[in-house]
Every structure is written in structure tokens, then in C-alpha cells.
């Protein structure tokens, strides 16, 4: 089992891609080198867009909307959330 440290947030897409590639390549070996190069290229192509990303809850139900004591609405249960790219 390989333990890899990760950051809780990334300041740029390049940083996210580098982290993802390190995660994938740790323990992958030399035989996966061409696949790793391909993923690194494609992740940068997919993540670099001029349009804004779309963030979706992906499982919104009535039970996921909570009301705080001050009356403010709060949406919970983000485990199936997705970041989609606008096409």
C-alpha cells in the first residue's frame, strides 16, 4: 500500500494535474510511462478552458436542504458532487 500526501486545495490546474499524475504513477512502474505522459497531456487539455466550470450537487433532495437557526438555507451531502466543463 502506497501512502501519498495530498493538499486540501490547489491554486491552479497545473498543480492539480501534477498531484493526480503523482498519485497515479506512484508504484505504476516504467511500463506505464507512456500512459502517464498521455494522461498528463489530456488532463491539462480537459482542465484548461476559457469558460467557467459548472459545479453540481448531483443528488439534490429535500433532505439535503437545511435551515440554520438564523433562517439561512444550507445545502449538505455533497458526496456525489461533480465539476463539469461547459461545452
C-alpha atoms as a PDB file:
ATOM      1  CA  UNK A   1       0.000   0.000   0.000  1.00  0.00           C
ATOM      2  CA  UNK A   2       1.397   3.378  -1.020  1.00  0.00           C
ATOM      3  CA  UNK A   3       0.529   6.419   1.071  1.00  0.00           C
ATOM      4  CA  UNK A   4       0.628   9.712  -0.776  1.00  0.00           C
ATOM      5  CA  UNK A   5       0.187  13.061   0.908  1.00  0.00           C
ATOM      6  CA  UNK A   6      -2.217  15.460  -0.732  1.00  0.00           C
ATOM      7  CA  UNK A   7      -3.121  19.057  -0.373  1.00  0.00           C
ATOM      8  CA  UNK A   8      -6.619  20.097   0.551  1.00  0.00           C
ATOM      9  CA  UNK A   9      -6.751  22.699  -2.193  1.00  0.00           C
ATOM     10  CA  UNK A  10      -4.890  23.616  -5.339  1.00  0.00           C
ATOM     11  CA  UNK A  11      -4.124  27.093  -6.621  1.00  0.00           C
ATOM     12  CA  UNK A  12      -4.022  26.155 -10.321  1.00  0.00           C
ATOM     13  CA  UNK A  13      -4.996  23.346 -12.677  1.00  0.00           C
ATOM     14  CA  UNK A  14      -1.314  22.520 -13.285  1.00  0.00           C
ATOM     15  CA  UNK A  15      -0.879  21.830  -9.585  1.00  0.00           C
ATOM     16  CA  UNK A  16      -3.929  19.542  -9.563  1.00  0.00           C
ATOM     17  CA  UNK A  17      -2.711  17.648 -12.636  1.00  0.00           C
ATOM     18  CA  UNK A  18       0.788  17.203 -11.195  1.00  0.00           C
ATOM     19  CA  UNK A  19      -0.713  15.826  -7.988  1.00  0.00           C
ATOM     20  CA  UNK A  20      -3.040  13.452  -9.877  1.00  0.00           C
ATOM     21  CA  UNK A  21      -0.179  12.167 -12.021  1.00  0.00           C
ATOM     22  CA  UNK A  22       1.990  11.593  -8.939  1.00  0.00           C
ATOM     23  CA  UNK A  23      -0.873   9.656  -7.342  1.00  0.00           C
ATOM     24  CA  UNK A  24      -1.356   7.529 -10.465  1.00  0.00           C
ATOM     25  CA  UNK A  25       2.331   6.950 -11.150  1.00  0.00           C
ATOM     26  CA  UNK A  26       3.384   6.050  -7.607  1.00  0.00           C
ATOM     27  CA  UNK A  27       4.018   2.359  -7.933  1.00  0.00           C
ATOM     28  CA  UNK A  28       2.959   2.207 -11.596  1.00  0.00           C
ATOM     29  CA  UNK A  29       6.448   1.402 -12.856  1.00  0.00           C
ATOM     30  CA  UNK A  30       8.182   2.090 -16.147  1.00  0.00           C
ATOM     31  CA  UNK A  31       5.740   0.037 -18.217  1.00  0.00           C
ATOM     32  CA  UNK A  32       3.081   2.708 -17.607  1.00  0.00           C
ATOM     33  CA  UNK A  33       5.289   5.662 -18.627  1.00  0.00           C
ATOM     34  CA  UNK A  34       3.560   6.276 -21.977  1.00  0.00           C
ATOM     35  CA  UNK A  35       0.111   6.126 -20.379  1.00  0.00           C
ATOM     36  CA  UNK A  36       1.237   8.567 -17.672  1.00  0.00           C
ATOM     37  CA  UNK A  37       2.518  11.029 -20.317  1.00  0.00           C
ATOM     38  CA  UNK A  38      -0.807  10.716 -22.170  1.00  0.00           C
ATOM     39  CA  UNK A  39      -2.841  11.360 -19.004  1.00  0.00           C
ATOM     40  CA  UNK A  40      -0.725  14.361 -18.094  1.00  0.00           C
ATOM     41  CA  UNK A  41      -1.308  15.891 -21.527  1.00  0.00           C
ATOM     42  CA  UNK A  42      -5.031  15.101 -21.649  1.00  0.00           C
ATOM     43  CA  UNK A  43      -5.769  16.316 -18.130  1.00  0.00           C
ATOM     44  CA  UNK A  44      -4.236  19.686 -18.978  1.00  0.00           C
ATOM     45  CA  UNK A  45      -6.267  19.880 -22.197  1.00  0.00           C
ATOM     46  CA  UNK A  46      -9.517  18.991 -20.424  1.00  0.00           C
ATOM     47  CA  UNK A  47      -8.996  21.289 -17.431  1.00  0.00           C
ATOM     48  CA  UNK A  48      -7.823  24.368 -19.329  1.00  0.00           C
ATOM     49  CA  UNK A  49     -10.950  26.011 -20.665  1.00  0.00           C
ATOM     50  CA  UNK A  50     -11.887  29.635 -21.171  1.00  0.00           C
ATOM     51  CA  UNK A  51     -15.388  29.028 -19.859  1.00  0.00           C
ATOM     52  CA  UNK A  52     -16.363  28.744 -16.228  1.00  0.00           C
ATOM     53  CA  UNK A  53     -16.771  25.290 -14.717  1.00  0.00           C
ATOM     54  CA  UNK A  54     -20.192  24.109 -13.637  1.00  0.00           C
ATOM     55  CA  UNK A  55     -20.395  22.700 -10.116  1.00  0.00           C
ATOM     56  CA  UNK A  56     -23.372  20.433  -9.495  1.00  0.00           C
ATOM     57  CA  UNK A  57     -24.628  18.700  -6.358  1.00  0.00           C
ATOM     58  CA  UNK A  58     -25.731  15.714  -8.474  1.00  0.00           C
ATOM     59  CA  UNK A  59     -28.063  14.264  -5.822  1.00  0.00           C
ATOM     60  CA  UNK A  60     -30.153  17.146  -4.501  1.00  0.00           C
ATOM     61  CA  UNK A  61     -33.134  16.061  -2.418  1.00  0.00           C
ATOM     62  CA  UNK A  62     -35.350  17.819   0.131  1.00  0.00           C
ATOM     63  CA  UNK A  63     -33.431  16.200   2.972  1.00  0.00           C
ATOM     64  CA  UNK A  64     -30.228  17.902   1.731  1.00  0.00           C
ATOM     65  CA  UNK A  65     -31.589  21.403   2.353  1.00  0.00           C
ATOM     66  CA  UNK A  66     -31.194  22.505   5.965  1.00  0.00           C
ATOM     67  CA  UNK A  67     -32.339  25.704   7.656  1.00  0.00           C
ATOM     68  CA  UNK A  68     -29.930  27.229  10.158  1.00  0.00           C
ATOM     69  CA  UNK A  69     -31.299  28.818  13.362  1.00  0.00           C
ATOM     70  CA  UNK A  70     -30.913  32.282  11.782  1.00  0.00           C
ATOM     71  CA  UNK A  71     -33.092  31.206   8.813  1.00  0.00           C
ATOM     72  CA  UNK A  72     -30.231  30.828   6.306  1.00  0.00           C
ATOM     73  CA  UNK A  73     -30.510  27.851   3.942  1.00  0.00           C
ATOM     74  CA  UNK A  74     -27.638  25.383   3.788  1.00  0.00           C
ATOM     75  CA  UNK A  75     -27.158  22.525   1.303  1.00  0.00           C
ATOM     76  CA  UNK A  76     -25.478  19.391   2.681  1.00  0.00           C
ATOM     77  CA  UNK A  77     -24.443  15.923   1.427  1.00  0.00           C
ATOM     78  CA  UNK A  78     -22.021  16.808  -1.379  1.00  0.00           C
ATOM     79  CA  UNK A  79     -20.534  13.318  -1.766  1.00  0.00           C
ATOM     80  CA  UNK A  80     -21.751  12.940  -5.371  1.00  0.00           C
ATOM     81  CA  UNK A  81     -20.868  16.480  -6.464  1.00  0.00           C
ATOM     82  CA  UNK A  82     -19.298  16.970  -9.896  1.00  0.00           C
ATOM     83  CA  UNK A  83     -17.286  19.678 -11.567  1.00  0.00           C
ATOM     84  CA  UNK A  84     -18.395  19.762 -15.178  1.00  0.00           C
ATOM     85  CA  UNK A  85     -16.966  21.727 -18.056  1.00  0.00           C
ATOM     86  CA  UNK A  86     -19.179  23.882 -20.203  1.00  0.00           C
ATOM     87  CA  UNK A  87     -19.143  22.896 -23.881  1.00  0.00           C
END
